[in-house]
Amino acid sequence: MGEFELIARHFTRPAPAPEAVVLGVGDDCALLRPTPGHLLAISTDMLVEGRHFFAGAEPEALGHKALAVNLSDLAAMGARPLGFTLALALPAADEAWLAAFARGLFALADAHACPLVGGDTTRGPLNLCITVFGERRPGQALRRNAARAGDELWLSGRTGEARLALALRRGEAWARGELAAVADRMDRPTPRLALGQALAATPGVHAALDVSDGLAGDIGHILEASGVGAEIEADALPVAPALQALDRPHRLDCLLAGGDDYELLFTADPAAHAAVRAAGAQTGVAVTRIGRITAAPGLRVLDAQRQAVPLRTRGFDHFAAD
């Protein structure tokens, strides 16, 4: 099977594209028509075998995750998806693998009206690179540099389950529990698009990002961009049932330093507290106040007695030694 047959068989679809897509797969460029008066939101993520996923990973789940991590970036900005491109390097054109990968990819794409509009394929080590396009009204996009001292700090969903899944797959000695209970949190993350759009339309919500490399590390991007600090209340962090059996240090490591969560971390004026809870209820996503933004720089994690909790690690670094 050659490159163009591969694209035609697995990645060209007869279904009509949304109105925003003037021209999709099959030409030198895609043509998109954003809603008048809106800004484009664009994000790219790459997943590399052996670095971001295990060799032999289930292809349908991999198709889902490849797109989900990009849609999560749109969610963090409060943007609506328009379409995406896929650059795919494959060791071989395996029909069964491609069919399963495309199923996972398009099931999530269809769920969020985000069509594939172009891309590229080549032979090489397995590597997935997606660029997603979205839109948002000017002045409503959530940004990292908008946090204010006195803001409440909020988290959607829960963190830590993907980190436990990774530990169970690796056979790390401290890990306890059944992989089946947490595997989907690592393999099939849920991009919080509806919540992100609801928050962007909520007065008083200021800054946001998606938690991909660990909560304690990722919050640093907001703090640096906004010139503020933060306090996280360790006992306020929502804990999944699967993490309850862990000892406290490893549980906190999962909650604060585990990656692959793809939840939203955001700040809001205390006066918006009820509106934030309403946005969570409206979109069916639990939201939890986990701390506050401070004028003093730096991050502090506090226990119930307001004593500092030491952090053994801050999160995933793509260029750190394995």
Protein backbone atom coordinates (compact mmCIF):
# COMPACT_ATOMS: atom_id res chain seq x y z
CA MET A 1 0.00 0.00 0.00
CA GLY A 2 1.50 3.34 -1.07
CA GLU A 3 1.25 6.69 0.69
CA PHE A 4 -1.69 8.04 -1.31
CA GLU A 5 -3.64 4.79 -1.10
CA LEU A 6 -3.00 4.77 2.67
CA ILE A 7 -4.40 8.30 3.00
CA ALA A 8 -7.38 7.57 0.76
CA ARG A 9 -8.25 4.32 2.53
CA HIS A 10 -7.86 5.39 6.16
CA PHE A 11 -7.90 9.19 6.41
CA THR A 12 -10.17 10.50 3.60
CA ARG A 13 -13.83 10.56 4.58
CA PRO A 14 -16.93 11.15 2.43
CA ALA A 15 -18.92 12.78 5.26
CA PRO A 16 -19.58 16.51 4.72
CA ALA A 17 -17.23 18.81 6.62
CA PRO A 18 -18.45 21.53 8.98
CA GLU A 19 -19.08 24.95 7.47
CA ALA A 20 -15.71 26.18 8.73
CA VAL A 21 -13.86 23.78 6.37
CA VAL A 22 -13.87 25.16 2.84
CA LEU A 23 -11.32 22.60 1.59
CA GLY A 24 -10.00 19.59 3.49
CA VAL A 25 -7.89 16.51 2.72
CA GLY A 26 -6.58 16.17 -0.85
CA ASP A 27 -5.05 19.50 -1.87
CA ASP A 28 -1.80 21.35 -1.10
CA CYS A 29 -3.41 23.24 1.78
CA ALA A 30 -6.63 23.09 3.75
CA LEU A 31 -8.84 26.17 3.70
CA LEU A 32 -10.67 27.13 6.90
CA ARG A 33 -13.28 29.84 7.35
CA PRO A 34 -13.32 31.05 10.98
CA THR A 35 -16.46 32.72 12.30
CA PRO A 36 -16.27 36.47 11.55
CA GLY A 37 -14.86 38.42 14.48
CA HIS A 38 -13.12 35.42 16.05
CA LEU A 39 -9.44 34.69 16.66
CA LEU A 40 -7.76 31.45 15.58
CA ALA A 41 -6.36 29.22 18.34
CA ILE A 42 -3.67 26.80 17.10
CA SER A 43 -1.78 24.10 18.99
CA THR A 44 0.62 21.29 18.05
CA ASP A 45 1.56 18.19 20.05
CA MET A 46 3.83 15.30 19.17
CA LEU A 47 3.67 11.77 20.58
CA VAL A 48 6.79 9.64 20.12
CA GLU A 49 6.88 5.88 20.69
CA GLY A 50 9.05 5.03 23.68
CA ARG A 51 8.85 8.58 25.03
CA HIS A 52 5.13 9.32 25.27
CA PHE A 53 3.65 5.85 24.88
CA PHE A 54 4.84 2.26 25.18
CA ALA A 55 5.90 0.25 22.15
CA GLY A 56 2.98 -1.91 21.10
CA ALA A 57 0.37 0.48 22.54
CA GLU A 58 -3.19 -0.35 21.48
CA PRO A 59 -3.73 1.66 18.26
CA GLU A 60 -7.37 2.63 18.79
CA ALA A 61 -6.55 4.18 22.17
CA LEU A 62 -3.50 5.82 20.62
CA GLY A 63 -5.66 7.45 17.94
CA HIS A 64 -7.94 8.83 20.66
CA LYS A 65 -5.07 10.14 22.79
CA ALA A 66 -3.19 11.75 19.90
CA LEU A 67 -6.14 14.04 19.24
CA ALA A 68 -7.26 14.38 22.87
CA VAL A 69 -4.03 15.99 24.03
CA ASN A 70 -4.42 18.68 21.35
CA LEU A 71 -8.10 19.28 22.04
CA SER A 72 -7.14 19.72 25.70
CA ASP A 73 -5.02 22.73 24.70
CA LEU A 74 -8.05 24.26 23.00
CA ALA A 75 -10.07 23.57 26.15
CA ALA A 76 -7.53 25.47 28.24
CA MET A 77 -8.06 28.54 26.04
CA GLY A 78 -11.84 28.18 26.01
CA ALA A 79 -11.75 27.65 22.24
CA ARG A 80 -14.13 25.77 19.93
CA PRO A 81 -12.50 23.22 17.56
CA LEU A 82 -12.53 23.83 13.79
CA GLY A 83 -10.31 21.02 12.45
CA PHE A 84 -6.90 19.34 12.69
CA THR A 85 -3.99 18.03 10.63
CA LEU A 86 -2.10 14.78 11.21
CA ALA A 87 1.56 14.06 10.45
CA LEU A 88 2.19 10.35 10.85
CA ALA A 89 5.49 8.44 10.64
CA LEU A 90 5.01 4.67 10.44
CA PRO A 91 7.54 1.80 10.44
CA ALA A 92 5.22 0.00 7.99
CA ALA A 93 1.77 0.43 6.43
CA ASP A 94 0.00 -2.11 8.66
CA GLU A 95 -3.66 -2.30 7.57
CA ALA A 96 -5.05 -3.58 10.89
CA TRP A 97 -3.07 -1.03 12.92
CA LEU A 98 -4.17 1.86 10.67
CA ALA A 99 -7.83 0.85 10.76
CA ALA A 100 -7.85 0.71 14.58
CA PHE A 101 -5.89 3.96 14.90
CA ALA A 102 -8.31 5.75 12.55
CA ARG A 103 -11.32 4.43 14.51
CA GLY A 104 -10.04 5.93 17.75
CA LEU A 105 -9.00 9.16 16.07
CA PHE A 106 -12.27 9.78 14.24
CA ALA A 107 -14.53 8.71 17.10
CA LEU A 108 -13.15 11.58 19.19
CA ALA A 109 -13.01 13.95 16.21
CA ASP A 110 -16.67 13.32 15.42
CA ALA A 111 -17.68 13.75 19.05
CA HIS A 112 -16.31 17.30 18.95
CA ALA A 113 -17.10 18.22 15.31
CA CYS A 114 -13.37 18.53 14.58
CA PRO A 115 -12.60 17.10 11.10
CA LEU A 116 -9.24 16.03 9.73
CA VAL A 117 -8.31 18.61 7.08
CA GLY A 118 -4.83 17.53 5.97
CA GLY A 119 -1.41 16.26 6.99
CA ASP A 120 1.41 14.02 5.86
CA THR A 121 2.63 10.42 6.11
CA THR A 122 6.09 8.92 5.84
CA ARG A 123 8.06 5.82 6.77
CA GLY A 124 10.03 6.04 10.00
CA PRO A 125 9.91 5.33 13.76
CA LEU A 126 6.33 5.63 15.03
CA ASN A 127 5.63 9.32 15.61
CA LEU A 128 2.28 11.13 15.74
CA CYS A 129 2.05 14.89 15.35
CA ILE A 130 -1.29 16.71 15.34
CA THR A 131 -1.99 20.40 14.85
CA VAL A 132 -5.45 21.50 15.92
CA PHE A 133 -7.27 24.69 14.93
CA GLY A 134 -9.96 26.38 16.98
CA GLU A 135 -11.57 29.77 17.45
CA ARG A 136 -12.52 32.13 20.25
CA ARG A 137 -13.93 35.64 20.49
CA PRO A 138 -11.31 38.34 21.23
CA GLY A 139 -11.14 39.11 24.92
CA GLN A 140 -12.65 35.76 25.95
CA ALA A 141 -9.68 33.45 25.47
CA LEU A 142 -8.29 32.11 28.76
CA ARG A 143 -4.57 32.82 29.06
CA ARG A 144 -1.73 31.91 31.40
CA ASN A 145 -0.77 35.51 32.14
CA ALA A 146 -4.08 36.68 33.62
CA ALA A 147 -3.97 35.27 37.18
CA ARG A 148 -4.38 37.85 39.96
CA ALA A 149 -3.38 37.81 43.62
CA GLY A 150 -6.43 36.82 45.63
CA ASP A 151 -7.86 34.55 42.92
CA GLU A 152 -9.11 31.14 43.93
CA LEU A 153 -7.26 28.23 42.32
CA TRP A 154 -9.48 25.53 40.78
CA LEU A 155 -9.00 22.08 39.27
CA SER A 156 -11.35 20.10 37.05
CA GLY A 157 -11.78 16.38 37.64
CA ARG A 158 -8.93 14.61 39.44
CA THR A 159 -5.21 14.14 38.91
CA GLY A 160 -2.97 11.17 39.66
CA GLU A 161 -4.73 8.18 38.09
CA ALA A 162 -2.67 8.29 34.89
CA ARG A 163 0.53 8.35 36.98
CA LEU A 164 -0.64 5.30 38.91
CA ALA A 165 -1.43 3.53 35.62
CA LEU A 166 2.11 4.25 34.42
CA ALA A 167 3.59 2.90 37.66
CA LEU A 168 1.50 -0.28 37.47
CA ARG A 169 2.58 -0.85 33.86
CA ARG A 170 6.20 -0.36 34.83
CA GLY A 171 5.86 -2.60 37.90
CA GLU A 172 7.06 0.11 40.28
CA ALA A 173 7.24 -1.37 43.79
CA TRP A 174 5.09 1.27 45.50
CA ALA A 175 2.15 0.98 43.09
CA ARG A 176 -1.00 -0.70 44.42
CA GLY A 177 -4.28 -1.56 42.70
CA GLU A 178 -5.70 -2.88 39.45
CA LEU A 179 -4.47 -1.44 36.18
CA ALA A 180 -7.94 -1.80 34.66
CA ALA A 181 -9.29 0.76 37.14
CA VAL A 182 -6.98 3.53 35.94
CA ALA A 183 -5.76 2.54 32.46
CA ASP A 184 -8.29 4.67 30.57
CA ARG A 185 -7.20 7.79 32.45
CA MET A 186 -3.79 7.35 30.83
CA ASP A 187 -4.84 5.90 27.48
CA ARG A 188 -8.09 7.78 26.75
CA PRO A 189 -8.00 11.20 28.45
CA THR A 190 -11.08 13.41 28.20
CA PRO A 191 -10.47 16.91 26.81
CA ARG A 192 -12.56 19.37 28.87
CA LEU A 193 -13.76 21.39 25.88
CA ALA A 194 -17.27 22.17 27.09
CA LEU A 195 -15.99 23.25 30.50
CA GLY A 196 -13.27 25.43 28.97
CA GLN A 197 -15.78 27.23 26.77
CA ALA A 198 -18.16 27.70 29.71
CA LEU A 199 -15.36 29.10 31.87
CA ALA A 200 -14.22 31.48 29.12
CA ALA A 201 -17.74 32.90 29.06
CA THR A 202 -17.87 33.26 32.88
CA PRO A 203 -16.98 36.74 34.19
CA GLY A 204 -14.24 36.58 36.80
CA VAL A 205 -12.43 33.54 35.43
CA HIS A 206 -8.93 34.76 34.66
CA ALA A 207 -6.15 32.29 33.79
CA ALA A 208 -6.09 28.63 32.76
CA LEU A 209 -3.96 25.81 31.38
CA ASP A 210 -4.31 22.08 30.93
CA VAL A 211 -2.41 19.79 33.29
CA SER A 212 -0.28 17.53 31.11
CA ASP A 213 3.11 17.27 32.83
CA GLY A 214 2.05 17.36 36.49
CA LEU A 215 0.01 19.88 38.47
CA ALA A 216 2.88 21.28 40.55
CA GLY A 217 5.07 21.77 37.51
CA ASP A 218 2.41 23.09 35.17
CA ILE A 219 1.10 25.70 37.61
CA GLY A 220 4.54 27.28 37.40
CA HIS A 221 3.71 28.42 33.85
CA ILE A 222 0.76 30.46 35.17
CA LEU A 223 2.78 31.85 38.07
CA GLU A 224 5.69 32.90 35.86
CA ALA A 225 3.51 34.40 33.14
CA SER A 226 1.31 36.28 35.64
CA GLY A 227 4.06 37.35 38.07
CA VAL A 228 2.30 35.81 41.08
CA GLY A 229 2.61 32.89 43.49
CA ALA A 230 0.24 30.22 44.74
CA GLU A 231 -0.73 28.10 47.71
CA ILE A 232 -2.16 24.63 47.15
CA GLU A 233 -4.04 22.99 50.02
CA ALA A 234 -2.93 19.36 49.88
CA ASP A 235 -6.01 18.08 51.68
CA ALA A 236 -8.31 19.88 49.22
CA LEU A 237 -7.01 17.89 46.25
CA PRO A 238 -9.65 15.44 45.01
CA VAL A 239 -8.45 11.84 45.40
CA ALA A 240 -9.68 9.01 43.18
CA PRO A 241 -10.68 5.78 44.94
CA ALA A 242 -7.80 3.99 43.18
CA LEU A 243 -5.28 6.24 44.96
CA GLN A 244 -6.69 5.78 48.47
CA ALA A 245 -4.60 2.67 49.17
CA LEU A 246 -1.29 4.46 48.49
CA ASP A 247 0.85 5.83 51.29
CA ARG A 248 0.60 9.61 51.61
CA PRO A 249 3.96 10.52 49.99
CA HIS A 250 3.27 8.45 46.87
CA ARG A 251 -0.34 9.61 46.73
CA LEU A 252 0.81 13.24 46.80
CA ASP A 253 3.40 12.49 44.14
CA CYS A 254 0.64 11.15 41.89
CA LEU A 255 -1.65 14.10 42.60
CA LEU A 256 0.97 16.83 42.21
CA ALA A 257 3.66 15.46 39.90
CA GLY A 258 1.95 12.83 37.75
CA GLY A 259 1.46 13.64 34.09
CA ASP A 260 -1.12 12.77 31.42
CA ASP A 261 -4.10 14.10 33.39
CA TYR A 262 -5.36 16.68 30.86
CA GLU A 263 -7.52 18.41 33.44
CA LEU A 264 -7.98 22.19 33.57
CA LEU A 265 -6.22 24.25 36.23
CA PHE A 266 -7.65 27.76 36.41
CA THR A 267 -7.98 30.85 38.57
CA ALA A 268 -11.04 32.96 39.30
CA ASP A 269 -12.08 35.89 41.43
CA PRO A 270 -13.68 34.68 44.70
CA ALA A 271 -16.83 36.56 43.66
CA ALA A 272 -17.13 34.10 40.74
CA HIS A 273 -17.14 31.06 43.06
CA ALA A 274 -20.82 30.19 42.49
CA ALA A 275 -20.56 30.83 38.75
CA VAL A 276 -17.56 28.49 38.48
CA ARG A 277 -19.47 25.75 40.27
CA ALA A 278 -22.42 26.37 37.94
CA ALA A 279 -20.13 26.00 34.89
CA GLY A 280 -18.94 22.66 36.23
CA ALA A 281 -22.50 21.48 36.90
CA GLN A 282 -23.67 22.68 33.46
CA THR A 283 -20.95 20.68 31.67
CA GLY A 284 -21.00 17.65 33.97
CA VAL A 285 -17.43 18.09 35.19
CA ALA A 286 -16.51 18.24 38.87
CA VAL A 287 -14.56 21.38 39.80
CA THR A 288 -12.67 21.75 43.08
CA ARG A 289 -11.15 24.79 44.75
CA ILE A 290 -7.63 23.64 45.68
CA GLY A 291 -5.93 26.85 46.81
CA ARG A 292 -5.34 30.49 46.02
CA ILE A 293 -3.11 32.86 44.10
CA THR A 294 -0.76 35.00 46.18
CA ALA A 295 1.19 38.19 45.58
CA ALA A 296 4.33 36.56 47.00
CA PRO A 297 6.11 34.57 44.28
CA GLY A 298 6.64 30.81 44.32
CA LEU A 299 4.50 27.76 44.98
CA ARG A 300 3.75 26.42 48.45
CA VAL A 301 1.87 23.20 49.16
CA LEU A 302 0.33 23.27 52.63
CA ASP A 303 -1.15 20.62 54.92
CA ALA A 304 -4.20 21.11 57.16
CA GLN A 305 -2.03 22.90 59.75
CA ARG A 306 -0.66 25.20 57.02
CA GLN A 307 2.75 23.58 57.23
CA ALA A 308 4.73 23.22 54.03
CA VAL A 309 4.56 19.82 52.34
CA PRO A 310 7.87 18.96 50.63
CA LEU A 311 7.62 18.12 46.92
CA ARG A 312 9.93 15.34 45.82
CA THR A 313 9.44 16.10 42.12
CA ARG A 314 7.62 18.77 40.10
CA GLY A 315 6.56 16.81 37.03
CA PHE A 316 7.56 15.44 33.64
CA ASP A 317 10.41 17.01 31.65
CA HIS A 318 10.75 15.91 28.02
CA PHE A 319 14.53 16.43 28.06
CA ALA A 320 15.32 15.11 31.54
CA ALA A 321 17.29 11.90 31.83
CA ASP A 322 15.12 8.77 31.97
